[in-house]
Amino acid sequence: MVSPGIAYLVASLPSLTSPLIVVYFLTRLLHEYQSIDLPLWAVIASVLSSIPVAILLKVSFADFIDHRRAAALGAVLPPRVYDKWPAGIGLLLQSINNLKTGYPGQSARHQLQT
């Protein structure tokens, strides 16, 4: 029996490696068919940014689908909590700070009042 963590990692491996494979094949296609050799720093930058860009595209597409489905049903999606940092990092840091110095739900209460 495989542990759940290993099973999760194996199941999510294709979604993590597919952006890297796409970048690799794009650089190979540029080299083979256009005779363009990208500098090493450009290849490294594109490889490092491929996973965050893929996640951003996946989340944006899921939001688009949610809005379309809600509109088709005549539904309204609930409002979102605004955060100036991507992926709610600012809210996470604020919650951690509230756990240390204040009340655990203090930031949620503030967001609900505004």
N, C-alpha and C. Protein backbone atom coordinates (compact mmCIF):
# COMPACT_ATOMS: atom_id res chain seq x y z
N MET A 1 0.85 -1.18 0.00
CA MET A 1 0.00 0.00 0.00
C MET A 1 0.89 1.24 0.00
N VAL A 2 0.58 2.16 -0.85
CA VAL A 2 1.34 3.40 -0.99
C VAL A 2 0.74 4.45 -0.06
N SER A 3 1.61 5.24 0.57
CA SER A 3 1.10 6.28 1.46
C SER A 3 0.37 7.35 0.67
N PRO A 4 -0.57 8.06 1.31
CA PRO A 4 -1.36 9.07 0.58
C PRO A 4 -0.50 10.20 0.01
N GLY A 5 0.57 10.56 0.71
CA GLY A 5 1.44 11.63 0.21
C GLY A 5 2.12 11.26 -1.09
N ILE A 6 2.62 10.04 -1.15
CA ILE A 6 3.27 9.56 -2.37
C ILE A 6 2.26 9.45 -3.51
N ALA A 7 1.06 8.96 -3.19
CA ALA A 7 0.02 8.84 -4.22
C ALA A 7 -0.36 10.21 -4.76
N TYR A 8 -0.45 11.21 -3.88
CA TYR A 8 -0.77 12.57 -4.33
C TYR A 8 0.33 13.13 -5.21
N LEU A 9 1.58 12.93 -4.81
CA LEU A 9 2.69 13.43 -5.62
C LEU A 9 2.73 12.78 -6.99
N VAL A 10 2.49 11.49 -7.05
CA VAL A 10 2.48 10.80 -8.34
C VAL A 10 1.31 11.28 -9.20
N ALA A 11 0.15 11.51 -8.57
CA ALA A 11 -1.02 11.98 -9.32
C ALA A 11 -0.82 13.39 -9.85
N SER A 12 -0.11 14.24 -9.09
CA SER A 12 0.07 15.63 -9.53
C SER A 12 1.34 15.82 -10.35
N LEU A 13 2.11 14.79 -10.54
CA LEU A 13 3.34 14.89 -11.32
C LEU A 13 3.12 15.35 -12.76
N PRO A 14 2.11 14.85 -13.48
CA PRO A 14 1.91 15.35 -14.85
C PRO A 14 1.61 16.84 -14.93
N SER A 15 0.83 17.36 -14.01
CA SER A 15 0.51 18.79 -14.07
C SER A 15 1.70 19.64 -13.69
N LEU A 16 2.64 19.10 -12.93
CA LEU A 16 3.84 19.86 -12.58
C LEU A 16 4.91 19.79 -13.66
N THR A 17 4.98 18.67 -14.35
CA THR A 17 6.03 18.52 -15.35
C THR A 17 5.62 18.96 -16.75
N SER A 18 4.33 19.03 -17.02
CA SER A 18 3.91 19.39 -18.38
C SER A 18 4.35 20.80 -18.80
N PRO A 19 4.31 21.84 -17.93
CA PRO A 19 4.84 23.13 -18.38
C PRO A 19 6.33 23.07 -18.70
N LEU A 20 7.08 22.29 -17.93
CA LEU A 20 8.51 22.17 -18.19
C LEU A 20 8.77 21.47 -19.52
N ILE A 21 7.98 20.46 -19.81
CA ILE A 21 8.12 19.73 -21.07
C ILE A 21 7.76 20.63 -22.25
N VAL A 22 6.72 21.44 -22.10
CA VAL A 22 6.32 22.37 -23.17
C VAL A 22 7.44 23.36 -23.45
N VAL A 23 8.03 23.92 -22.40
CA VAL A 23 9.13 24.88 -22.59
C VAL A 23 10.32 24.20 -23.26
N TYR A 24 10.62 22.99 -22.86
CA TYR A 24 11.73 22.26 -23.48
C TYR A 24 11.48 22.07 -24.97
N PHE A 25 10.29 21.60 -25.32
CA PHE A 25 10.00 21.35 -26.74
C PHE A 25 9.93 22.65 -27.54
N LEU A 26 9.46 23.72 -26.94
CA LEU A 26 9.46 25.01 -27.65
C LEU A 26 10.87 25.49 -27.93
N THR A 27 11.77 25.34 -26.97
CA THR A 27 13.15 25.75 -27.22
C THR A 27 13.80 24.85 -28.28
N ARG A 28 13.47 23.56 -28.28
CA ARG A 28 14.00 22.66 -29.30
C ARG A 28 13.45 23.02 -30.68
N LEU A 29 12.15 23.34 -30.75
CA LEU A 29 11.55 23.72 -32.03
C LEU A 29 12.16 25.02 -32.56
N LEU A 30 12.39 25.98 -31.67
CA LEU A 30 13.04 27.22 -32.10
C LEU A 30 14.43 26.93 -32.65
N HIS A 31 15.13 26.06 -32.01
CA HIS A 31 16.49 25.73 -32.46
C HIS A 31 16.48 24.97 -33.79
N GLU A 32 15.60 24.01 -33.93
CA GLU A 32 15.60 23.15 -35.12
C GLU A 32 15.03 23.85 -36.36
N TYR A 33 13.90 24.56 -36.19
CA TYR A 33 13.20 25.08 -37.37
C TYR A 33 13.46 26.56 -37.64
N GLN A 34 13.83 27.31 -36.64
CA GLN A 34 14.10 28.73 -36.84
C GLN A 34 15.57 29.09 -36.65
N SER A 35 16.36 28.13 -36.27
CA SER A 35 17.80 28.34 -36.00
C SER A 35 18.03 29.44 -34.97
N ILE A 36 17.16 29.48 -33.98
CA ILE A 36 17.29 30.46 -32.91
C ILE A 36 17.80 29.73 -31.67
N ASP A 37 18.96 30.15 -31.21
CA ASP A 37 19.50 29.61 -29.98
C ASP A 37 19.29 30.63 -28.86
N LEU A 38 18.44 30.29 -27.94
CA LEU A 38 18.18 31.18 -26.82
C LEU A 38 19.36 31.13 -25.85
N PRO A 39 19.68 32.27 -25.24
CA PRO A 39 20.73 32.23 -24.23
C PRO A 39 20.30 31.40 -23.02
N LEU A 40 21.27 30.92 -22.29
CA LEU A 40 20.98 30.05 -21.15
C LEU A 40 20.10 30.74 -20.12
N TRP A 41 20.33 32.05 -19.89
CA TRP A 41 19.52 32.75 -18.90
C TRP A 41 18.06 32.82 -19.33
N ALA A 42 17.79 32.92 -20.63
CA ALA A 42 16.41 32.97 -21.11
C ALA A 42 15.73 31.61 -20.95
N VAL A 43 16.47 30.55 -21.20
CA VAL A 43 15.91 29.21 -21.02
C VAL A 43 15.60 28.96 -19.55
N ILE A 44 16.53 29.32 -18.67
CA ILE A 44 16.32 29.13 -17.23
C ILE A 44 15.15 29.97 -16.74
N ALA A 45 15.07 31.22 -17.20
CA ALA A 45 13.95 32.08 -16.78
C ALA A 45 12.62 31.53 -17.26
N SER A 46 12.58 31.03 -18.48
CA SER A 46 11.32 30.49 -18.99
C SER A 46 10.94 29.20 -18.28
N VAL A 47 11.91 28.38 -17.94
CA VAL A 47 11.62 27.14 -17.20
C VAL A 47 11.11 27.47 -15.80
N LEU A 48 11.77 28.41 -15.13
CA LEU A 48 11.35 28.77 -13.77
C LEU A 48 9.98 29.44 -13.73
N SER A 49 9.65 30.19 -14.76
CA SER A 49 8.36 30.87 -14.77
C SER A 49 7.24 30.03 -15.37
N SER A 50 7.57 28.88 -15.94
CA SER A 50 6.53 28.10 -16.62
C SER A 50 5.49 27.54 -15.65
N ILE A 51 5.90 27.07 -14.50
CA ILE A 51 4.94 26.49 -13.55
C ILE A 51 4.02 27.57 -12.97
N PRO A 52 4.55 28.73 -12.49
CA PRO A 52 3.62 29.76 -12.01
C PRO A 52 2.67 30.27 -13.10
N VAL A 53 3.16 30.40 -14.32
CA VAL A 53 2.30 30.84 -15.42
C VAL A 53 1.22 29.80 -15.70
N ALA A 54 1.58 28.53 -15.66
CA ALA A 54 0.60 27.47 -15.88
C ALA A 54 -0.46 27.46 -14.78
N ILE A 55 -0.05 27.68 -13.54
CA ILE A 55 -1.01 27.74 -12.44
C ILE A 55 -1.93 28.94 -12.61
N LEU A 56 -1.37 30.08 -12.99
CA LEU A 56 -2.17 31.28 -13.21
C LEU A 56 -3.20 31.05 -14.31
N LEU A 57 -2.79 30.44 -15.40
CA LEU A 57 -3.72 30.15 -16.49
C LEU A 57 -4.80 29.16 -16.07
N LYS A 58 -4.44 28.16 -15.29
CA LYS A 58 -5.41 27.17 -14.82
C LYS A 58 -6.45 27.81 -13.91
N VAL A 59 -6.01 28.66 -12.98
CA VAL A 59 -6.94 29.33 -12.06
C VAL A 59 -7.82 30.32 -12.82
N SER A 60 -7.23 31.07 -13.74
CA SER A 60 -8.01 32.03 -14.53
C SER A 60 -9.07 31.32 -15.37
N PHE A 61 -8.71 30.20 -15.96
CA PHE A 61 -9.68 29.45 -16.77
C PHE A 61 -10.79 28.88 -15.89
N ALA A 62 -10.45 28.40 -14.69
CA ALA A 62 -11.46 27.88 -13.78
C ALA A 62 -12.42 29.00 -13.34
N ASP A 63 -11.89 30.21 -13.09
CA ASP A 63 -12.74 31.35 -12.76
C ASP A 63 -13.66 31.70 -13.91
N PHE A 64 -13.13 31.67 -15.12
CA PHE A 64 -13.93 31.96 -16.30
C PHE A 64 -15.08 30.97 -16.44
N ILE A 65 -14.78 29.70 -16.25
CA ILE A 65 -15.81 28.66 -16.33
C ILE A 65 -16.86 28.85 -15.23
N ASP A 66 -16.42 29.18 -14.02
CA ASP A 66 -17.37 29.42 -12.92
C ASP A 66 -18.31 30.57 -13.24
N HIS A 67 -17.76 31.66 -13.79
CA HIS A 67 -18.60 32.80 -14.15
C HIS A 67 -19.59 32.44 -15.25
N ARG A 68 -19.13 31.68 -16.23
CA ARG A 68 -20.03 31.27 -17.32
C ARG A 68 -21.15 30.37 -16.82
N ARG A 69 -20.81 29.42 -15.96
CA ARG A 69 -21.84 28.52 -15.42
C ARG A 69 -22.82 29.27 -14.54
N ALA A 70 -22.32 30.20 -13.74
CA ALA A 70 -23.22 30.99 -12.89
C ALA A 70 -24.14 31.84 -13.74
N ALA A 71 -23.61 32.45 -14.79
CA ALA A 71 -24.44 33.27 -15.67
C ALA A 71 -25.48 32.43 -16.39
N ALA A 72 -25.12 31.22 -16.78
CA ALA A 72 -26.07 30.35 -17.46
C ALA A 72 -27.22 29.94 -16.55
N LEU A 73 -26.95 29.86 -15.26
CA LEU A 73 -27.98 29.48 -14.29
C LEU A 73 -28.69 30.69 -13.68
N GLY A 74 -28.25 31.89 -14.05
CA GLY A 74 -28.82 33.10 -13.47
C GLY A 74 -28.38 33.32 -12.04
N ALA A 75 -27.26 32.73 -11.66
CA ALA A 75 -26.76 32.84 -10.28
C ALA A 75 -25.74 33.97 -10.18
N VAL A 76 -25.48 34.36 -8.95
CA VAL A 76 -24.48 35.38 -8.67
C VAL A 76 -23.42 34.75 -7.79
N LEU A 77 -22.17 34.92 -8.16
CA LEU A 77 -21.08 34.39 -7.36
C LEU A 77 -20.87 35.26 -6.12
N PRO A 78 -20.44 34.67 -5.02
CA PRO A 78 -20.19 35.47 -3.81
C PRO A 78 -19.01 36.40 -4.02
N PRO A 79 -18.99 37.51 -3.30
CA PRO A 79 -17.85 38.44 -3.45
C PRO A 79 -16.56 37.81 -2.94
N ARG A 80 -15.46 38.27 -3.48
CA ARG A 80 -14.15 37.78 -3.07
C ARG A 80 -13.48 38.77 -2.14
N VAL A 81 -12.63 38.24 -1.29
CA VAL A 81 -11.86 39.08 -0.39
C VAL A 81 -10.66 39.60 -1.16
N TYR A 82 -10.47 40.91 -1.15
CA TYR A 82 -9.37 41.53 -1.88
C TYR A 82 -8.06 41.36 -1.11
N ASP A 83 -7.01 41.06 -1.83
CA ASP A 83 -5.68 40.99 -1.26
C ASP A 83 -4.71 41.57 -2.27
N LYS A 84 -3.80 42.42 -1.81
CA LYS A 84 -2.87 43.06 -2.74
C LYS A 84 -1.76 42.10 -3.21
N TRP A 85 -1.58 40.99 -2.52
CA TRP A 85 -0.58 40.01 -2.91
C TRP A 85 -1.25 38.85 -3.64
N PRO A 86 -0.53 38.22 -4.57
CA PRO A 86 -1.14 37.09 -5.29
C PRO A 86 -1.34 35.88 -4.38
N ALA A 87 -2.35 35.11 -4.70
CA ALA A 87 -2.67 33.85 -4.02
C ALA A 87 -3.01 34.03 -2.55
N GLY A 88 -3.40 35.23 -2.14
CA GLY A 88 -3.82 35.44 -0.76
C GLY A 88 -2.69 35.41 0.25
N ILE A 89 -1.47 35.67 -0.18
CA ILE A 89 -0.33 35.61 0.72
C ILE A 89 -0.44 36.67 1.81
N GLY A 90 -0.92 37.86 1.45
CA GLY A 90 -1.08 38.91 2.45
C GLY A 90 -2.07 38.53 3.53
N LEU A 91 -3.17 37.90 3.14
CA LEU A 91 -4.16 37.46 4.13
C LEU A 91 -3.60 36.36 5.02
N LEU A 92 -2.80 35.48 4.44
CA LEU A 92 -2.17 34.42 5.22
C LEU A 92 -1.21 35.00 6.25
N LEU A 93 -0.38 35.95 5.84
CA LEU A 93 0.55 36.58 6.77
C LEU A 93 -0.19 37.35 7.86
N GLN A 94 -1.27 38.02 7.48
CA GLN A 94 -2.07 38.75 8.46
C GLN A 94 -2.71 37.79 9.47
N SER A 95 -3.17 36.65 9.01
CA SER A 95 -3.76 35.66 9.91
C SER A 95 -2.72 35.09 10.86
N ILE A 96 -1.52 34.84 10.36
CA ILE A 96 -0.45 34.34 11.22
C ILE A 96 -0.09 35.37 12.27
N ASN A 97 -0.02 36.63 11.87
CA ASN A 97 0.27 37.71 12.82
C ASN A 97 -0.84 37.83 13.86
N ASN A 98 -2.09 37.67 13.44
CA ASN A 98 -3.19 37.73 14.39
C ASN A 98 -3.16 36.57 15.37
N LEU A 99 -2.71 35.41 14.94
CA LEU A 99 -2.58 34.28 15.85
C LEU A 99 -1.55 34.57 16.94
N LYS A 100 -0.49 35.30 16.56
CA LYS A 100 0.57 35.59 17.52
C LYS A 100 0.20 36.73 18.47
N THR A 101 -0.48 37.76 17.94
CA THR A 101 -0.67 38.97 18.74
C THR A 101 -2.12 39.28 19.08
N GLY A 102 -3.06 38.73 18.36
CA GLY A 102 -4.45 39.11 18.58
C GLY A 102 -5.36 37.92 18.61
N TYR A 103 -6.51 38.08 17.98
CA TYR A 103 -7.50 37.01 17.92
C TYR A 103 -7.41 36.31 16.57
N PRO A 104 -7.64 35.00 16.54
CA PRO A 104 -7.49 34.26 15.28
C PRO A 104 -8.38 34.77 14.15
N GLY A 105 -9.61 35.15 14.43
CA GLY A 105 -10.52 35.56 13.38
C GLY A 105 -10.59 37.05 13.16
N GLN A 106 -9.63 37.79 13.69
CA GLN A 106 -9.67 39.25 13.61
C GLN A 106 -9.62 39.75 12.16
N SER A 107 -8.78 39.17 11.33
CA SER A 107 -8.69 39.64 9.95
C SER A 107 -9.94 39.28 9.17
N ALA A 108 -10.55 38.13 9.45
CA ALA A 108 -11.78 37.75 8.76
C ALA A 108 -12.91 38.70 9.15
N ARG A 109 -12.96 39.07 10.40
CA ARG A 109 -13.99 40.00 10.86
C ARG A 109 -13.83 41.35 10.17
N HIS A 110 -12.59 41.80 10.05
CA HIS A 110 -12.33 43.08 9.38
C HIS A 110 -12.75 43.01 7.91
N GLN A 111 -12.47 41.90 7.24
CA GLN A 111 -12.84 41.76 5.83
C GLN A 111 -14.34 41.72 5.65
N LEU A 112 -15.06 41.13 6.59
CA LEU A 112 -16.52 41.05 6.48
C LEU A 112 -17.18 42.40 6.71
N GLN A 113 -16.56 43.27 7.51
CA GLN A 113 -17.15 44.57 7.80
C GLN A 113 -16.95 45.56 6.68
N THR A 114 -15.91 45.38 5.86
CA THR A 114 -15.65 46.35 4.80
C THR A 114 -16.25 45.94 3.50
